[in-house]
Structures are given as structure tokens and as C-alpha cells.
Amino acid sequence: MVTVLPSAGWAHREQMTFACHEDTVRDVIREFVESYPHYRRRLLDDDGEPLTYDSVTSTATSSRPPTVPGWTPADSTVAIVAPLAGG
């Protein structure tokens, strides 16, 4: 499973980590929003595409390079950082 860490300021009911299946980063975000729809307005636009102003980082502990660009293997963590005011 991929661990998703949304921005700390977005914590919902004290939950800070979430699990999703391995996939591309884009589809991990979509699965996350499908499972937790209250994050939708923060992560997806009206067409269901990930917003470009959030900072999304993916890290994997696997030493094997991905075979698909943007692939997030099961041992990855996807961190989502909200934009901050003031630069």
C-alpha cells in the first residue's frame, strides 16, 4: 500500500495517514479523494484533475526504478503540502 500524508492543517478527525493502492501519483490522489471525498475541493479541479498549486512529493524505499513514469510503488509515501500564503 501507498501511504498518503495530507497537509497537517487538513487533518480530519485527527487522522493523519491514509492508505491507497500503488498506481501513478495522479491516480493515487484520485483514489484518495474517492475514499475521502471531503478532500476533493482541496485536491481536484472541476474536471477531476489534480490541482497544480498543491505540492505533491512521492518517496519510495524501493531501489528499483519505476517502469511507468510517475509510478508510485506500494512502499511509497505521497506527501501533499498545501500552498502557504505570503510566499
PDB file of N, CA and C in Angstrom:
ATOM      1  N   MET A   1       0.835  -1.194   0.000  1.00  0.00           N
ATOM      2  CA  MET A   1       0.000   0.000   0.000  1.00  0.00           C
ATOM      3  C   MET A   1       0.878   1.255   0.000  1.00  0.00           C
ATOM      4  N   VAL A   2       0.335   2.292  -0.575  1.00  0.00           N
ATOM      5  CA  VAL A   2       0.977   3.603  -0.595  1.00  0.00           C
ATOM      6  C   VAL A   2       0.418   4.402   0.581  1.00  0.00           C
ATOM      7  N   THR A   3       1.290   5.045   1.335  1.00  0.00           N
ATOM      8  CA  THR A   3       0.853   5.888   2.434  1.00  0.00           C
ATOM      9  C   THR A   3       0.683   7.310   1.926  1.00  0.00           C
ATOM     10  N   VAL A   4      -0.472   7.910   2.188  1.00  0.00           N
ATOM     11  CA  VAL A   4      -0.741   9.287   1.793  1.00  0.00           C
ATOM     12  C   VAL A   4      -0.757  10.146   3.049  1.00  0.00           C
ATOM     13  N   LEU A   5       0.034  11.212   3.018  1.00  0.00           N
ATOM     14  CA  LEU A   5       0.121  12.159   4.130  1.00  0.00           C
ATOM     15  C   LEU A   5      -0.369  13.516   3.662  1.00  0.00           C
ATOM     16  N   PRO A   6      -1.636  13.841   3.900  1.00  0.00           N
ATOM     17  CA  PRO A   6      -2.106  15.173   3.509  1.00  0.00           C
ATOM     18  C   PRO A   6      -1.536  16.244   4.430  1.00  0.00           C
ATOM     19  N   SER A   7      -1.620  17.462   3.989  1.00  0.00           N
ATOM     20  CA  SER A   7      -1.136  18.596   4.765  1.00  0.00           C
ATOM     21  C   SER A   7      -1.685  18.537   6.188  1.00  0.00           C
ATOM     22  N   ALA A   8      -0.850  18.784   7.179  1.00  0.00           N
ATOM     23  CA  ALA A   8      -1.241  18.673   8.591  1.00  0.00           C
ATOM     24  C   ALA A   8      -2.436  19.552   8.938  1.00  0.00           C
ATOM     25  N   GLY A   9      -2.550  20.695   8.303  1.00  0.00           N
ATOM     26  CA  GLY A   9      -3.672  21.590   8.570  1.00  0.00           C
ATOM     27  C   GLY A   9      -5.003  21.053   8.070  1.00  0.00           C
ATOM     28  N   TRP A  10      -4.968  20.000   7.275  1.00  0.00           N
ATOM     29  CA  TRP A  10      -6.185  19.413   6.733  1.00  0.00           C
ATOM     30  C   TRP A  10      -6.683  18.226   7.540  1.00  0.00           C
ATOM     31  N   ALA A  11      -6.031  17.916   8.631  1.00  0.00           N
ATOM     32  CA  ALA A  11      -6.380  16.717   9.411  1.00  0.00           C
ATOM     33  C   ALA A  11      -7.885  16.628   9.636  1.00  0.00           C
ATOM     34  N   HIS A  12      -8.416  15.478   9.373  1.00  0.00           N
ATOM     35  CA  HIS A  12      -9.849  15.250   9.526  1.00  0.00           C
ATOM     36  C   HIS A  12     -10.051  14.212  10.626  1.00  0.00           C
ATOM     37  N   ARG A  13     -10.681  14.633  11.690  1.00  0.00           N
ATOM     38  CA  ARG A  13     -10.918  13.732  12.823  1.00  0.00           C
ATOM     39  C   ARG A  13      -9.630  13.122  13.336  1.00  0.00           C
ATOM     40  N   GLU A  14      -8.579  13.921  13.369  1.00  0.00           N
ATOM     41  CA  GLU A  14      -7.278  13.520  13.908  1.00  0.00           C
ATOM     42  C   GLU A  14      -6.526  12.499  13.061  1.00  0.00           C
ATOM     43  N   GLN A  15      -7.077  12.057  11.933  1.00  0.00           N
ATOM     44  CA  GLN A  15      -6.380  11.080  11.094  1.00  0.00           C
ATOM     45  C   GLN A  15      -5.361  11.791  10.230  1.00  0.00           C
ATOM     46  N   MET A  16      -4.121  11.308  10.267  1.00  0.00           N
ATOM     47  CA  MET A  16      -3.037  11.971   9.545  1.00  0.00           C
ATOM     48  C   MET A  16      -2.452  11.128   8.407  1.00  0.00           C
ATOM     49  N   THR A  17      -2.646   9.819   8.418  1.00  0.00           N
ATOM     50  CA  THR A  17      -2.123   8.974   7.350  1.00  0.00           C
ATOM     51  C   THR A  17      -3.253   8.128   6.766  1.00  0.00           C
ATOM     52  N   PHE A  18      -3.131   7.845   5.478  1.00  0.00           N
ATOM     53  CA  PHE A  18      -4.150   7.107   4.751  1.00  0.00           C
ATOM     54  C   PHE A  18      -3.445   6.116   3.822  1.00  0.00           C
ATOM     55  N   ALA A  19      -4.121   5.055   3.449  1.00  0.00           N
ATOM     56  CA  ALA A  19      -3.536   4.052   2.566  1.00  0.00           C
ATOM     57  C   ALA A  19      -4.283   4.005   1.241  1.00  0.00           C
ATOM     58  N   CYS A  20      -3.518   3.874   0.151  1.00  0.00           N
ATOM     59  CA  CYS A  20      -4.074   3.725  -1.191  1.00  0.00           C
ATOM     60  C   CYS A  20      -3.268   2.641  -1.903  1.00  0.00           C
ATOM     61  N   HIS A  21      -3.791   2.159  -3.025  1.00  0.00           N
ATOM     62  CA  HIS A  21      -3.087   1.156  -3.814  1.00  0.00           C
ATOM     63  C   HIS A  21      -1.998   1.807  -4.654  1.00  0.00           C
ATOM     64  N   GLU A  22      -0.995   1.016  -5.023  1.00  0.00           N
ATOM     65  CA  GLU A  22       0.056   1.565  -5.883  1.00  0.00           C
ATOM     66  C   GLU A  22      -0.523   1.899  -7.249  1.00  0.00           C
ATOM     67  N   ASP A  23      -0.045   2.990  -7.821  1.00  0.00           N
ATOM     68  CA  ASP A  23      -0.526   3.486  -9.104  1.00  0.00           C
ATOM     69  C   ASP A  23       0.310   4.709  -9.440  1.00  0.00           C
ATOM     70  N   THR A  24      -0.086   5.482 -10.449  1.00  0.00           N
ATOM     71  CA  THR A  24       0.604   6.740 -10.709  1.00  0.00           C
ATOM     72  C   THR A  24       0.224   7.718  -9.599  1.00  0.00           C
ATOM     73  N   VAL A  25       1.041   8.726  -9.388  1.00  0.00           N
ATOM     74  CA  VAL A  25       0.742   9.717  -8.350  1.00  0.00           C
ATOM     75  C   VAL A  25      -0.635  10.329  -8.595  1.00  0.00           C
ATOM     76  N   ARG A  26      -0.914  10.639  -9.832  1.00  0.00           N
ATOM     77  CA  ARG A  26      -2.208  11.225 -10.196  1.00  0.00           C
ATOM     78  C   ARG A  26      -3.370  10.325  -9.767  1.00  0.00           C
ATOM     79  N   ASP A  27      -3.249   9.027 -10.035  1.00  0.00           N
ATOM     80  CA  ASP A  27      -4.327   8.105  -9.684  1.00  0.00           C
ATOM     81  C   ASP A  27      -4.369   7.781  -8.200  1.00  0.00           C
ATOM     82  N   VAL A  28      -3.227   7.858  -7.515  1.00  0.00           N
ATOM     83  CA  VAL A  28      -3.229   7.709  -6.055  1.00  0.00           C
ATOM     84  C   VAL A  28      -4.037   8.851  -5.434  1.00  0.00           C
ATOM     85  N   ILE A  29      -3.843  10.075  -5.943  1.00  0.00           N
ATOM     86  CA  ILE A  29      -4.606  11.223  -5.437  1.00  0.00           C
ATOM     87  C   ILE A  29      -6.089  11.027  -5.727  1.00  0.00           C
ATOM     88  N   ARG A  30      -6.414  10.556  -6.916  1.00  0.00           N
ATOM     89  CA  ARG A  30      -7.829  10.320  -7.255  1.00  0.00           C
ATOM     90  C   ARG A  30      -8.453   9.252  -6.359  1.00  0.00           C
ATOM     91  N   GLU A  31      -7.734   8.164  -6.101  1.00  0.00           N
ATOM     92  CA  GLU A  31      -8.253   7.114  -5.210  1.00  0.00           C
ATOM     93  C   GLU A  31      -8.443   7.664  -3.798  1.00  0.00           C
ATOM     94  N   PHE A  32      -7.477   8.454  -3.349  1.00  0.00           N
ATOM     95  CA  PHE A  32      -7.566   9.065  -2.024  1.00  0.00           C
ATOM     96  C   PHE A  32      -8.835   9.914  -1.910  1.00  0.00           C
ATOM     97  N   VAL A  33      -9.099  10.740  -2.918  1.00  0.00           N
ATOM     98  CA  VAL A  33     -10.281  11.606  -2.914  1.00  0.00           C
ATOM     99  C   VAL A  33     -11.565  10.776  -3.016  1.00  0.00           C
ATOM    100  N   GLU A  34     -11.518   9.692  -3.774  1.00  0.00           N
ATOM    101  CA  GLU A  34     -12.691   8.824  -3.872  1.00  0.00           C
ATOM    102  C   GLU A  34     -13.021   8.194  -2.511  1.00  0.00           C
ATOM    103  N   SER A  35     -11.991   7.825  -1.776  1.00  0.00           N
ATOM    104  CA  SER A  35     -12.188   7.224  -0.455  1.00  0.00           C
ATOM    105  C   SER A  35     -12.522   8.254   0.624  1.00  0.00           C
ATOM    106  N   TYR A  36     -12.000   9.459   0.457  1.00  0.00           N
ATOM    107  CA  TYR A  36     -12.192  10.538   1.441  1.00  0.00           C
ATOM    108  C   TYR A  36     -12.660  11.795   0.709  1.00  0.00           C
ATOM    109  N   PRO A  37     -13.942  11.845   0.311  1.00  0.00           N
ATOM    110  CA  PRO A  37     -14.436  12.924  -0.555  1.00  0.00           C
ATOM    111  C   PRO A  37     -14.356  14.325   0.045  1.00  0.00           C
ATOM    112  N   HIS A  38     -14.228  14.452   1.350  1.00  0.00           N
ATOM    113  CA  HIS A  38     -14.127  15.797   1.929  1.00  0.00           C
ATOM    114  C   HIS A  38     -12.816  16.491   1.540  1.00  0.00           C
ATOM    115  N   TYR A  39     -11.856  15.770   0.954  1.00  0.00           N
ATOM    116  CA  TYR A  39     -10.612  16.374   0.474  1.00  0.00           C
ATOM    117  C   TYR A  39     -10.706  16.816  -0.990  1.00  0.00           C
ATOM    118  N   ARG A  40     -11.800  16.496  -1.657  1.00  0.00           N
ATOM    119  CA  ARG A  40     -11.909  16.743  -3.099  1.00  0.00           C
ATOM    120  C   ARG A  40     -11.623  18.194  -3.481  1.00  0.00           C
ATOM    121  N   ARG A  41     -12.277  19.134  -2.838  1.00  0.00           N
ATOM    122  CA  ARG A  41     -12.115  20.542  -3.222  1.00  0.00           C
ATOM    123  C   ARG A  41     -10.688  21.044  -3.005  1.00  0.00           C
ATOM    124  N   ARG A  42      -9.950  20.370  -2.150  1.00  0.00           N
ATOM    125  CA  ARG A  42      -8.563  20.770  -1.881  1.00  0.00           C
ATOM    126  C   ARG A  42      -7.574  20.173  -2.882  1.00  0.00           C
ATOM    127  N   LEU A  43      -7.974  19.075  -3.557  1.00  0.00           N
ATOM    128  CA  LEU A  43      -7.017  18.350  -4.384  1.00  0.00           C
ATOM    129  C   LEU A  43      -7.365  18.234  -5.864  1.00  0.00           C
ATOM    130  N   LEU A  44      -8.663  18.306  -6.213  1.00  0.00           N
ATOM    131  CA  LEU A  44      -9.058  18.131  -7.608  1.00  0.00           C
ATOM    132  C   LEU A  44      -9.826  19.340  -8.120  1.00  0.00           C
ATOM    133  N   ASP A  45      -9.655  19.626  -9.417  1.00  0.00           N
ATOM    134  CA  ASP A  45     -10.420  20.712 -10.021  1.00  0.00           C
ATOM    135  C   ASP A  45     -11.799  20.196 -10.435  1.00  0.00           C
ATOM    136  N   ASP A  46     -12.572  21.028 -11.105  1.00  0.00           N
ATOM    137  CA  ASP A  46     -13.935  20.656 -11.504  1.00  0.00           C
ATOM    138  C   ASP A  46     -13.978  19.488 -12.492  1.00  0.00           C
ATOM    139  N   ASP A  47     -12.881  19.263 -13.213  1.00  0.00           N
ATOM    140  CA  ASP A  47     -12.808  18.165 -14.170  1.00  0.00           C
ATOM    141  C   ASP A  47     -12.229  16.885 -13.558  1.00  0.00           C
ATOM    142  N   GLY A  48     -11.934  16.921 -12.261  1.00  0.00           N
ATOM    143  CA  GLY A  48     -11.380  15.746 -11.591  1.00  0.00           C
ATOM    144  C   GLY A  48      -9.885  15.584 -11.744  1.00  0.00           C
ATOM    145  N   GLU A  49      -9.217  16.635 -12.220  1.00  0.00           N
ATOM    146  CA  GLU A  49      -7.763  16.604 -12.370  1.00  0.00           C
ATOM    147  C   GLU A  49      -7.108  17.182 -11.114  1.00  0.00           C
ATOM    148  N   PRO A  50      -5.944  16.647 -10.727  1.00  0.00           N
ATOM    149  CA  PRO A  50      -5.242  17.190  -9.559  1.00  0.00           C
ATOM    150  C   PRO A  50      -4.902  18.674  -9.759  1.00  0.00           C
ATOM    151  N   LEU A  51      -5.109  19.450  -8.712  1.00  0.00           N
ATOM    152  CA  LEU A  51      -4.761  20.869  -8.749  1.00  0.00           C
ATOM    153  C   LEU A  51      -3.249  21.006  -8.847  1.00  0.00           C
ATOM    154  N   THR A  52      -2.807  22.003  -9.577  1.00  0.00           N
ATOM    155  CA  THR A  52      -1.366  22.161  -9.798  1.00  0.00           C
ATOM    156  C   THR A  52      -0.676  23.009  -8.742  1.00  0.00           C
ATOM    157  N   TYR A  53      -1.421  23.666  -7.875  1.00  0.00           N
ATOM    158  CA  TYR A  53      -0.760  24.511  -6.889  1.00  0.00           C
ATOM    159  C   TYR A  53      -0.453  23.792  -5.582  1.00  0.00           C
ATOM    160  N   ASP A  54      -0.922  22.557  -5.392  1.00  0.00           N
ATOM    161  CA  ASP A  54      -0.500  21.773  -4.239  1.00  0.00           C
ATOM    162  C   ASP A  54       0.855  21.166  -4.561  1.00  0.00           C
ATOM    163  N   SER A  55       1.702  21.051  -3.566  1.00  0.00           N
ATOM    164  CA  SER A  55       2.995  20.409  -3.748  1.00  0.00           C
ATOM    165  C   SER A  55       2.845  18.944  -3.359  1.00  0.00           C
ATOM    166  N   VAL A  56       3.101  18.045  -4.295  1.00  0.00           N
ATOM    167  CA  VAL A  56       2.963  16.612  -4.048  1.00  0.00           C
ATOM    168  C   VAL A  56       4.328  15.967  -4.248  1.00  0.00           C
ATOM    169  N   THR A  57       4.784  15.241  -3.242  1.00  0.00           N
ATOM    170  CA  THR A  57       6.068  14.571  -3.297  1.00  0.00           C
ATOM    171  C   THR A  57       5.868  13.088  -3.064  1.00  0.00           C
ATOM    172  N   SER A  58       6.557  12.288  -3.824  1.00  0.00           N
ATOM    173  CA  SER A  58       6.467  10.842  -3.664  1.00  0.00           C
ATOM    174  C   SER A  58       7.848  10.293  -3.367  1.00  0.00           C
ATOM    175  N   THR A  59       7.938   9.478  -2.332  1.00  0.00           N
ATOM    176  CA  THR A  59       9.202   8.829  -1.998  1.00  0.00           C
ATOM    177  C   THR A  59       8.965   7.332  -1.894  1.00  0.00           C
ATOM    178  N   ALA A  60       9.915   6.561  -2.367  1.00  0.00           N
ATOM    179  CA  ALA A  60       9.817   5.103  -2.305  1.00  0.00           C
ATOM    180  C   ALA A  60      11.073   4.542  -1.668  1.00  0.00           C
ATOM    181  N   THR A  61      10.915   3.484  -0.922  1.00  0.00           N
ATOM    182  CA  THR A  61      12.082   2.848  -0.324  1.00  0.00           C
ATOM    183  C   THR A  61      12.681   1.806  -1.260  1.00  0.00           C
ATOM    184  N   SER A  62      11.986   1.490  -2.337  1.00  0.00           N
ATOM    185  CA  SER A  62      12.475   0.509  -3.305  1.00  0.00           C
ATOM    186  C   SER A  62      13.623   1.111  -4.106  1.00  0.00           C
ATOM    187  N   SER A  63      14.648   0.318  -4.347  1.00  0.00           N
ATOM    188  CA  SER A  63      15.779   0.807  -5.147  1.00  0.00           C
ATOM    189  C   SER A  63      15.539   0.573  -6.637  1.00  0.00           C
ATOM    190  N   ARG A  64      14.469  -0.136  -6.973  1.00  0.00           N
ATOM    191  CA  ARG A  64      14.144  -0.431  -8.366  1.00  0.00           C
ATOM    192  C   ARG A  64      13.512   0.801  -9.020  1.00  0.00           C
ATOM    193  N   PRO A  65      14.024   1.257 -10.156  1.00  0.00           N
ATOM    194  CA  PRO A  65      13.418   2.415 -10.822  1.00  0.00           C
ATOM    195  C   PRO A  65      12.036   2.064 -11.360  1.00  0.00           C
ATOM    196  N   PRO A  66      11.118   3.034 -11.373  1.00  0.00           N
ATOM    197  CA  PRO A  66       9.774   2.747 -11.891  1.00  0.00           C
ATOM    198  C   PRO A  66       9.800   2.463 -13.380  1.00  0.00           C
ATOM    199  N   THR A  67       8.928   1.562 -13.829  1.00  0.00           N
ATOM    200  CA  THR A  67       8.840   1.245 -15.255  1.00  0.00           C
ATOM    201  C   THR A  67       7.822   2.138 -15.950  1.00  0.00           C
ATOM    202  N   VAL A  68       6.967   2.797 -15.176  1.00  0.00           N
ATOM    203  CA  VAL A  68       5.970   3.722 -15.704  1.00  0.00           C
ATOM    204  C   VAL A  68       6.260   5.093 -15.102  1.00  0.00           C
ATOM    205  N   PRO A  69       6.390   6.152 -15.917  1.00  0.00           N
ATOM    206  CA  PRO A  69       6.645   7.484 -15.350  1.00  0.00           C
ATOM    207  C   PRO A  69       5.566   7.873 -14.337  1.00  0.00           C
ATOM    208  N   GLY A  70       5.999   8.370 -13.193  1.00  0.00           N
ATOM    209  CA  GLY A  70       5.069   8.791 -12.157  1.00  0.00           C
ATOM    210  C   GLY A  70       4.520   7.647 -11.323  1.00  0.00           C
ATOM    211  N   TRP A  71       5.015   6.425 -11.559  1.00  0.00           N
ATOM    212  CA  TRP A  71       4.519   5.261 -10.822  1.00  0.00           C
ATOM    213  C   TRP A  71       4.893   5.365  -9.350  1.00  0.00           C
ATOM    214  N   THR A  72       3.950   5.041  -8.500  1.00  0.00           N
ATOM    215  CA  THR A  72       4.155   5.084  -7.056  1.00  0.00           C
ATOM    216  C   THR A  72       4.035   3.657  -6.538  1.00  0.00           C
ATOM    217  N   PRO A  73       5.169   2.991  -6.281  1.00  0.00           N
ATOM    218  CA  PRO A  73       5.110   1.610  -5.821  1.00  0.00           C
ATOM    219  C   PRO A  73       4.529   1.489  -4.420  1.00  0.00           C
ATOM    220  N   ALA A  74       4.199   0.264  -4.052  1.00  0.00           N
ATOM    221  CA  ALA A  74       3.488   0.003  -2.800  1.00  0.00           C
ATOM    222  C   ALA A  74       4.223   0.477  -1.554  1.00  0.00           C
ATOM    223  N   ASP A  75       5.517   0.600  -1.596  1.00  0.00           N
ATOM    224  CA  ASP A  75       6.271   1.015  -0.406  1.00  0.00           C
ATOM    225  C   ASP A  75       6.495   2.528  -0.342  1.00  0.00           C
ATOM    226  N   SER A  76       5.721   3.288  -1.103  1.00  0.00           N
ATOM    227  CA  SER A  76       5.917   4.740  -1.217  1.00  0.00           C
ATOM    228  C   SER A  76       5.107   5.520  -0.191  1.00  0.00           C
ATOM    229  N   THR A  77       5.543   6.743  -0.020  1.00  0.00           N
ATOM    230  CA  THR A  77       4.782   7.729   0.745  1.00  0.00           C
ATOM    231  C   THR A  77       4.539   8.913  -0.169  1.00  0.00           C
ATOM    232  N   VAL A  78       3.282   9.353  -0.256  1.00  0.00           N
ATOM    233  CA  VAL A  78       2.920  10.535  -1.035  1.00  0.00           C
ATOM    234  C   VAL A  78       2.555  11.627  -0.039  1.00  0.00           C
ATOM    235  N   ALA A  79       3.351  12.672  -0.004  1.00  0.00           N
ATOM    236  CA  ALA A  79       3.096  13.798   0.897  1.00  0.00           C
ATOM    237  C   ALA A  79       2.485  14.945   0.105  1.00  0.00           C
ATOM    238  N   ILE A  80       1.415  15.523   0.647  1.00  0.00           N
ATOM    239  CA  ILE A  80       0.719  16.626  -0.008  1.00  0.00           C
ATOM    240  C   ILE A  80       0.869  17.849   0.879  1.00  0.00           C
ATOM    241  N   VAL A  81       1.450  18.906   0.338  1.00  0.00           N
ATOM    242  CA  VAL A  81       1.657  20.132   1.103  1.00  0.00           C
ATOM    243  C   VAL A  81       0.833  21.232   0.464  1.00  0.00           C
ATOM    244  N   ALA A  82      -0.017  21.840   1.258  1.00  0.00           N
ATOM    245  CA  ALA A  82      -0.864  22.926   0.774  1.00  0.00           C
ATOM    246  C   ALA A  82      -0.031  24.172   0.509  1.00  0.00           C
ATOM    247  N   PRO A  83      -0.469  25.006  -0.437  1.00  0.00           N
ATOM    248  CA  PRO A  83       0.230  26.270  -0.666  1.00  0.00           C
ATOM    249  C   PRO A  83       0.087  27.158   0.572  1.00  0.00           C
ATOM    250  N   LEU A  84       1.118  27.919   0.838  1.00  0.00           N
ATOM    251  CA  LEU A  84       1.120  28.799   2.003  1.00  0.00           C
ATOM    252  C   LEU A  84       1.018  30.248   1.558  1.00  0.00           C
ATOM    253  N   ALA A  85       0.287  31.021   2.303  1.00  0.00           N
ATOM    254  CA  ALA A  85       0.153  32.449   1.992  1.00  0.00           C
ATOM    255  C   ALA A  85       1.457  33.182   2.302  1.00  0.00           C
ATOM    256  N   GLY A  86       1.728  34.189   1.562  1.00  0.00           N
ATOM    257  CA  GLY A  86       2.891  35.021   1.845  1.00  0.00           C
ATOM    258  C   GLY A  86       4.163  34.565   1.180  1.00  0.00           C
ATOM    259  N   GLY A  87       4.095  33.589   0.300  1.00  0.00           N
ATOM    260  CA  GLY A  87       5.248  33.183  -0.470  1.00  0.00           C
ATOM    261  C   GLY A  87       5.925  32.023   0.091  1.00  0.00           C
TER     262      GLY A  87
END
